[in-house]
Amino acid sequence: MIRFEQVTKRYADGTTAVDDLTFEVAEGELVTLVGPSGCGKTTTMKMVNRLVEPSSGRILLGGEDVAAVDPVRLRRTIGYVIQQVGLFPHRTVLDNTATVPALLGWKKAKARERAAELLDLVGLDPGTYGHRYPEQLSGGQRQRVGVARALAADPPVLLMDEPFGAVDPVVREHLQSEFLRLQATVRKTVLFVTHDLEEAVRLGDRIAVYGQGRIEQFDTPATVLAAPATPYVADFVGADRSLKRLAVTPVTEADLEAPEAPEAPAPDNLPETPDAHPAVVLGASLKDALAVLLQHDAGRVAVHAPGAPDRVLGSLTTAGVHRALRRTAVSVPEPAPEPVPEQLSSR
């Protein structure tokens, strides 16, 4: 859906923001661009909707060179979400959300109907919030409206530039969860810029780790964490990358032990104790499973089939968590030794 072909952006003062980028984002894929400030990730994203023009190379959107498309028309077909949201303060939430459909010539009633659908989809009841103004919303609510507005005209591509960076950590985590739920429904092609590795790992189908103007590694979160491609990537993901892998490694049946035998019923003359068996669903992340495991004294957590909480498939223990991490580890080949110069090897 999005393809960069040897794209470079060099400014008049000689600064190279991005250098010879070539990569592709598949239809329906969410790719996170992660790296330190000034590494070129936002410049990369802005070249897709021509807010920044490349110095060389080309960018294809759905097979069409974006340089050949009128910039205004191009931007109206791409959803764009930024950290500051950019809502119009004098317009209601409903009218803010209907902005792009209105610009595209939709009838007012149809645009508002679409806006109401999107507000509901992002968890804001249009009957409650539609008539409010941006100043009457919390930061997290304004960010939801920004996402709804970007989706209102049903664009195939969504560009998101640090969209959750201006809210507190608790709200941010909630917005990430809601966006993952939303993406599972709408399946947009998404470029998501962030400087937060944990956010990149949690959201991305694949991650592009930026050095200075270049992509150092472009792969799945699990592979980037398990097998950093360069010393730079290894340093960027940190020494605790095995812990970060917990968030991207699902619980599978191979990690489980046999279910515990049911306890014998209590004698009739003793009071029954309430059930309090910790449990998670198969496919949950090891991070979530370990959090449940550590909250209880049982030393194990029951794992049940999706949609069938009464069907226990087995138990996960701390040993099972360790096995899962070892099972999913990617072996990294040792670098080949540098050749010894002839004048040294002959000595």
Protein backbone atom coordinates (compact mmCIF):
# COMPACT_ATOMS: atom_id res chain seq x y z
CA MET A 1 0.00 0.00 0.00
CA ILE A 2 2.86 2.42 0.87
CA ARG A 3 6.23 1.99 -0.79
CA PHE A 4 9.39 4.06 -0.37
CA GLU A 5 11.94 3.70 -3.15
CA GLN A 6 15.39 5.15 -2.41
CA VAL A 7 13.88 8.24 -0.80
CA THR A 8 16.20 10.98 0.47
CA LYS A 9 15.36 14.35 2.00
CA ARG A 10 18.21 16.85 2.04
CA TYR A 11 17.72 20.48 3.07
CA ALA A 12 19.39 23.55 1.58
CA ASP A 13 21.87 23.81 4.46
CA GLY A 14 23.15 20.33 3.66
CA THR A 15 21.30 18.54 6.47
CA THR A 16 20.13 15.07 5.44
CA ALA A 17 16.93 14.23 7.29
CA VAL A 18 16.43 10.80 5.70
CA ASP A 19 18.86 8.97 3.49
CA ASP A 20 18.04 6.38 0.82
CA LEU A 21 14.96 4.84 2.46
CA THR A 22 13.48 1.78 0.82
CA PHE A 23 10.71 -0.13 2.59
CA GLU A 24 7.09 -1.16 2.12
CA VAL A 25 3.98 -1.18 4.29
CA ALA A 26 1.43 -3.83 3.34
CA GLU A 27 -2.29 -3.12 3.11
CA GLY A 28 -3.89 -3.29 6.56
CA GLU A 29 -0.51 -3.32 8.32
CA LEU A 30 0.41 -1.08 11.25
CA VAL A 31 4.06 -0.08 11.11
CA THR A 32 5.62 1.93 13.92
CA LEU A 33 8.55 4.26 13.22
CA VAL A 34 10.60 4.53 16.41
CA GLY A 35 13.80 6.33 17.28
CA PRO A 36 15.23 9.34 19.11
CA SER A 37 14.23 12.94 18.36
CA GLY A 38 15.63 14.26 15.08
CA CYS A 39 16.24 10.85 13.50
CA GLY A 40 13.93 11.45 10.52
CA LYS A 41 10.85 9.41 11.42
CA THR A 42 8.38 12.33 11.29
CA THR A 43 9.96 13.59 8.06
CA THR A 44 9.41 10.11 6.61
CA MET A 45 5.73 10.19 7.52
CA LYS A 46 5.17 13.75 6.25
CA MET A 47 6.55 12.86 2.85
CA VAL A 48 3.64 10.43 2.36
CA ASN A 49 1.06 13.25 2.35
CA ARG A 50 3.51 15.76 0.84
CA LEU A 51 3.77 18.05 3.82
CA VAL A 52 7.47 17.51 3.09
CA GLU A 53 8.73 16.90 -0.45
CA PRO A 54 11.55 14.37 -0.97
CA SER A 55 14.79 15.48 -2.60
CA SER A 56 15.08 12.24 -4.56
CA GLY A 57 13.43 8.85 -4.87
CA ARG A 58 9.71 8.26 -4.97
CA ILE A 59 6.82 7.25 -2.73
CA LEU A 60 4.00 5.09 -4.04
CA LEU A 61 0.55 4.99 -2.48
CA GLY A 62 -1.59 2.18 -3.82
CA GLY A 63 0.81 1.95 -6.75
CA GLU A 64 0.53 5.66 -7.62
CA ASP A 65 3.42 8.10 -7.26
CA VAL A 66 2.27 10.69 -4.71
CA ALA A 67 4.31 13.35 -6.52
CA ALA A 68 1.84 13.13 -9.41
CA VAL A 69 -1.20 13.73 -7.18
CA ASP A 70 -2.53 17.18 -6.24
CA PRO A 71 -1.42 17.71 -2.60
CA VAL A 72 -4.81 18.93 -1.39
CA ARG A 73 -6.65 16.01 -2.97
CA LEU A 74 -4.01 13.62 -1.63
CA ARG A 75 -4.36 14.88 1.95
CA ARG A 76 -8.11 14.55 1.88
CA THR A 77 -7.72 10.83 1.17
CA ILE A 78 -5.24 10.21 4.02
CA GLY A 79 -6.17 10.28 7.70
CA TYR A 80 -3.77 12.35 9.80
CA VAL A 81 -3.54 12.39 13.60
CA ILE A 82 -1.05 14.54 15.52
CA GLN A 83 -0.11 14.91 19.17
CA GLN A 84 -1.76 18.33 19.54
CA VAL A 85 -4.97 16.95 17.93
CA GLY A 86 -5.69 20.25 16.14
CA LEU A 87 -9.44 20.39 16.74
CA PHE A 88 -11.26 23.60 15.80
CA PRO A 89 -12.15 25.25 19.14
CA HIS A 90 -15.26 26.99 17.75
CA ARG A 91 -16.81 23.79 16.38
CA THR A 92 -18.63 21.08 18.26
CA VAL A 93 -17.17 17.61 18.55
CA LEU A 94 -19.64 16.33 15.96
CA ASP A 95 -18.78 19.07 13.47
CA ASN A 96 -15.05 18.64 14.09
CA THR A 97 -15.38 14.94 13.29
CA ALA A 98 -17.35 15.71 10.12
CA THR A 99 -14.72 18.16 8.80
CA VAL A 100 -13.19 16.06 6.01
CA PRO A 101 -16.48 14.61 4.69
CA ALA A 102 -17.80 18.19 4.51
CA LEU A 103 -14.70 19.28 2.55
CA LEU A 104 -15.29 16.38 0.17
CA GLY A 105 -18.79 17.68 -0.55
CA TRP A 106 -20.85 15.26 1.51
CA LYS A 107 -24.34 16.46 2.46
CA LYS A 108 -24.42 17.79 6.01
CA ALA A 109 -26.78 15.11 7.30
CA LYS A 110 -24.65 12.30 5.82
CA ALA A 111 -21.42 13.81 7.18
CA ARG A 112 -22.90 14.14 10.67
CA GLU A 113 -24.28 10.61 10.55
CA ARG A 114 -20.80 9.30 9.67
CA ALA A 115 -19.29 11.45 12.44
CA ALA A 116 -21.70 10.01 14.99
CA GLU A 117 -20.80 6.45 13.92
CA LEU A 118 -17.08 7.16 14.35
CA LEU A 119 -17.51 8.83 17.74
CA ASP A 120 -19.37 5.76 18.93
CA LEU A 121 -16.62 3.53 17.49
CA VAL A 122 -13.92 5.36 19.48
CA GLY A 123 -15.95 5.09 22.68
CA LEU A 124 -17.56 8.54 22.82
CA ASP A 125 -21.36 8.52 22.91
CA PRO A 126 -22.39 11.10 20.26
CA GLY A 127 -25.50 11.96 22.24
CA THR A 128 -23.35 12.90 25.22
CA TYR A 129 -20.26 14.37 23.57
CA GLY A 130 -21.37 15.44 20.08
CA HIS A 131 -22.65 18.87 21.14
CA ARG A 132 -19.66 19.68 23.35
CA TYR A 133 -16.69 21.83 22.38
CA PRO A 134 -13.03 20.68 22.56
CA GLU A 135 -12.34 22.72 25.72
CA GLN A 136 -15.02 20.69 27.51
CA LEU A 137 -13.16 17.41 26.89
CA SER A 138 -10.24 15.77 28.65
CA GLY A 139 -6.97 15.28 26.80
CA GLY A 140 -7.74 11.62 26.17
CA GLN A 141 -11.21 12.43 24.86
CA ARG A 142 -9.82 15.07 22.49
CA GLN A 143 -7.35 12.49 21.20
CA ARG A 144 -10.21 10.08 20.50
CA VAL A 145 -12.00 12.80 18.55
CA GLY A 146 -8.82 13.33 16.54
CA VAL A 147 -8.74 9.65 15.61
CA ALA A 148 -12.45 9.69 14.73
CA ARG A 149 -11.97 12.76 12.51
CA ALA A 150 -9.07 11.09 10.70
CA LEU A 151 -11.25 8.07 9.94
CA ALA A 152 -14.41 9.95 9.01
CA ALA A 153 -13.95 9.84 5.23
CA ASP A 154 -12.86 6.17 5.42
CA PRO A 155 -9.29 6.75 4.14
CA PRO A 156 -7.21 3.70 3.24
CA VAL A 157 -4.12 5.13 4.97
CA LEU A 158 -3.72 6.63 8.44
CA LEU A 159 -0.68 8.68 9.48
CA MET A 160 -0.20 9.13 13.24
CA ASP A 161 2.51 11.40 14.66
CA GLU A 162 3.04 10.84 18.42
CA PRO A 163 -0.76 10.80 18.83
CA PHE A 164 -0.81 9.73 22.49
CA GLY A 165 2.30 11.57 23.67
CA ALA A 166 0.50 14.47 25.39
CA VAL A 167 -1.55 12.44 27.88
CA ASP A 168 -0.60 10.82 31.18
CA PRO A 169 0.68 7.21 31.21
CA VAL A 170 -2.57 5.66 32.46
CA VAL A 171 -4.68 7.37 29.80
CA ARG A 172 -2.03 6.62 27.21
CA GLU A 173 -2.16 2.89 27.90
CA HIS A 174 -5.95 2.97 27.70
CA LEU A 175 -5.83 4.84 24.36
CA GLN A 176 -3.36 2.29 23.01
CA SER A 177 -5.71 -0.55 23.97
CA GLU A 178 -8.67 1.22 22.38
CA PHE A 179 -6.71 1.91 19.21
CA LEU A 180 -5.69 -1.75 18.91
CA ARG A 181 -9.35 -2.70 19.27
CA LEU A 182 -10.30 -0.11 16.65
CA GLN A 183 -7.58 -1.23 14.22
CA ALA A 184 -8.79 -4.83 14.50
CA THR A 185 -12.16 -3.53 13.23
CA VAL A 186 -11.17 -1.02 10.53
CA ARG A 187 -7.83 -2.56 9.37
CA LYS A 188 -6.27 0.62 8.01
CA THR A 189 -2.73 0.85 6.65
CA VAL A 190 -1.01 2.84 9.40
CA LEU A 191 2.31 4.63 9.80
CA PHE A 192 2.67 5.42 13.50
CA VAL A 193 5.52 7.65 14.71
CA THR A 194 6.69 7.34 18.31
CA HIS A 195 9.86 7.76 20.37
CA ASP A 196 8.56 5.24 22.93
CA LEU A 197 9.87 1.72 22.28
CA GLU A 198 7.24 0.05 24.47
CA GLU A 199 4.48 1.79 22.51
CA ALA A 200 6.10 0.75 19.23
CA VAL A 201 6.37 -2.85 20.40
CA ARG A 202 2.81 -2.98 21.69
CA LEU A 203 1.14 -1.48 18.62
CA GLY A 204 3.24 -2.40 15.61
CA ASP A 205 2.84 -5.38 13.33
CA ARG A 206 6.37 -4.40 12.32
CA ILE A 207 8.82 -1.83 13.67
CA ALA A 208 11.22 0.42 11.80
CA VAL A 209 14.04 1.34 14.20
CA TYR A 210 15.66 4.58 13.07
CA GLY A 211 19.24 5.63 13.49
CA GLN A 212 20.23 9.01 12.04
CA GLY A 213 18.15 9.28 8.90
CA ARG A 214 18.31 5.55 8.20
CA ILE A 215 16.36 2.47 9.21
CA GLU A 216 18.67 0.23 11.21
CA GLN A 217 16.19 -2.66 11.44
CA PHE A 218 12.72 -3.31 10.01
CA ASP A 219 11.06 -6.41 11.41
CA THR A 220 8.44 -7.76 13.79
CA PRO A 221 8.58 -6.58 17.41
CA ALA A 222 9.53 -10.07 18.59
CA THR A 223 12.46 -10.30 16.18
CA VAL A 224 13.74 -6.79 16.92
CA LEU A 225 13.75 -7.58 20.64
CA ALA A 226 15.15 -11.08 20.33
CA ALA A 227 17.71 -10.43 17.61
CA PRO A 228 18.81 -6.79 17.25
CA ALA A 229 20.40 -6.42 13.82
CA THR A 230 23.13 -3.99 14.87
CA PRO A 231 24.86 -2.82 18.06
CA TYR A 232 22.89 0.44 17.70
CA VAL A 233 19.55 -1.43 17.78
CA ALA A 234 20.73 -3.57 20.71
CA ASP A 235 21.58 -0.43 22.64
CA PHE A 236 18.29 1.24 21.67
CA VAL A 237 16.06 -1.65 22.75
CA GLY A 238 18.03 -1.97 25.99
CA ALA A 239 19.49 -4.71 28.12
CA ASP A 240 16.02 -5.53 29.43
CA ARG A 241 14.74 -6.51 25.99
CA SER A 242 13.91 -10.02 27.25
CA LEU A 243 11.41 -8.42 29.63
CA LYS A 244 9.97 -6.34 26.78
CA ARG A 245 9.49 -9.57 24.81
CA LEU A 246 6.92 -10.64 27.38
CA ALA A 247 4.50 -8.12 25.86
CA VAL A 248 4.79 -9.55 22.32
CA THR A 249 4.95 -13.27 23.11
CA PRO A 250 1.58 -15.03 23.37
CA VAL A 251 0.76 -17.92 25.66
CA THR A 252 0.49 -21.13 23.62
CA GLU A 253 -0.49 -24.67 24.53
CA ALA A 254 3.18 -25.70 24.20
CA ASP A 255 3.94 -23.56 27.27
CA LEU A 256 1.35 -25.21 29.51
CA GLU A 257 1.41 -27.97 32.08
CA ALA A 258 -1.44 -30.38 32.61
CA PRO A 259 -4.45 -28.88 34.40
CA GLU A 260 -4.59 -29.37 38.13
CA ALA A 261 -6.90 -32.11 39.33
CA PRO A 262 -10.12 -30.70 40.79
CA GLU A 263 -10.15 -30.44 44.55
CA ALA A 264 -12.32 -32.82 46.54
CA PRO A 265 -15.60 -31.22 47.66
CA ALA A 266 -15.69 -29.87 51.19
CA PRO A 267 -17.53 -31.96 53.80
CA ASP A 268 -21.13 -30.99 54.34
CA ASN A 269 -20.39 -29.70 57.82
CA LEU A 270 -17.75 -27.20 56.60
CA PRO A 271 -18.52 -23.90 54.89
CA GLU A 272 -17.64 -23.69 51.21
CA THR A 273 -14.85 -21.31 50.25
CA PRO A 274 -15.37 -19.08 47.22
CA ASP A 275 -13.55 -19.95 44.00
CA ALA A 276 -10.59 -17.66 43.35
CA HIS A 277 -8.56 -19.41 40.71
CA PRO A 278 -6.49 -16.99 38.59
CA ALA A 279 -6.99 -17.52 34.87
CA VAL A 280 -6.06 -16.03 31.49
CA VAL A 281 -7.13 -16.82 27.95
CA LEU A 282 -4.93 -18.71 25.50
CA GLY A 283 -3.16 -16.17 23.31
CA ALA A 284 -2.82 -13.56 26.03
CA SER A 285 0.62 -12.01 26.28
CA LEU A 286 3.16 -13.50 28.65
CA LYS A 287 3.31 -10.07 30.29
CA ASP A 288 -0.39 -10.16 31.18
CA ALA A 289 -0.20 -13.80 32.26
CA LEU A 290 2.83 -13.15 34.46
CA ALA A 291 1.10 -10.17 36.06
CA VAL A 292 -1.83 -12.42 37.04
CA LEU A 293 0.55 -15.16 38.18
CA LEU A 294 2.45 -12.82 40.49
CA GLN A 295 -0.74 -11.50 42.08
CA HIS A 296 -1.63 -14.90 43.52
CA ASP A 297 0.06 -17.45 45.74
CA ALA A 298 -0.93 -20.51 43.71
CA GLY A 299 2.28 -20.51 41.64
CA ARG A 300 0.32 -21.17 38.47
CA VAL A 301 -2.42 -19.60 36.40
CA ALA A 302 -5.12 -21.55 34.58
CA VAL A 303 -5.30 -20.99 30.82
CA HIS A 304 -8.65 -21.42 29.12
CA ALA A 305 -9.74 -21.57 25.50
CA PRO A 306 -10.85 -18.32 23.82
CA GLY A 307 -14.54 -17.76 24.36
CA ALA A 308 -14.78 -20.83 26.63
CA PRO A 309 -13.78 -19.92 30.20
CA ASP A 310 -14.95 -23.32 31.48
CA ARG A 311 -12.57 -25.20 29.17
CA VAL A 312 -9.21 -25.16 30.93
CA LEU A 313 -6.37 -26.20 28.62
CA GLY A 314 -3.62 -26.30 31.21
CA SER A 315 -1.63 -24.22 33.68
CA LEU A 316 1.14 -21.69 33.15
CA THR A 317 3.94 -21.44 35.70
CA THR A 318 7.01 -19.23 35.90
CA ALA A 319 8.94 -22.15 34.40
CA GLY A 320 6.50 -22.12 31.48
CA VAL A 321 7.11 -18.41 30.97
CA HIS A 322 10.84 -19.11 30.82
CA ARG A 323 10.33 -21.95 28.34
CA ALA A 324 8.18 -19.71 26.14
CA LEU A 325 10.88 -17.05 25.98
CA ARG A 326 13.52 -19.65 25.14
CA ARG A 327 11.25 -21.22 22.52
CA THR A 328 10.67 -17.92 20.75
CA ALA A 329 14.26 -16.71 20.95
CA VAL A 330 15.86 -16.02 17.59
CA SER A 331 19.42 -17.17 17.26
CA VAL A 332 21.79 -14.45 16.06
CA PRO A 333 24.72 -15.64 13.96
CA GLU A 334 28.13 -14.57 15.14
CA PRO A 335 29.73 -11.98 12.85
CA ALA A 336 32.36 -13.38 10.53
CA PRO A 337 35.92 -12.61 11.66
CA GLU A 338 37.62 -9.84 9.76
CA PRO A 339 40.28 -11.11 7.32
CA VAL A 340 43.85 -10.88 8.56
CA PRO A 341 46.10 -8.80 6.28
CA GLU A 342 48.61 -10.94 4.39
CA GLN A 343 51.60 -9.16 5.87
CA LEU A 344 50.38 -10.17 9.35
CA SER A 345 49.18 -13.68 8.55
CA SER A 346 52.59 -14.63 7.14
CA ARG A 347 54.38 -13.79 10.35
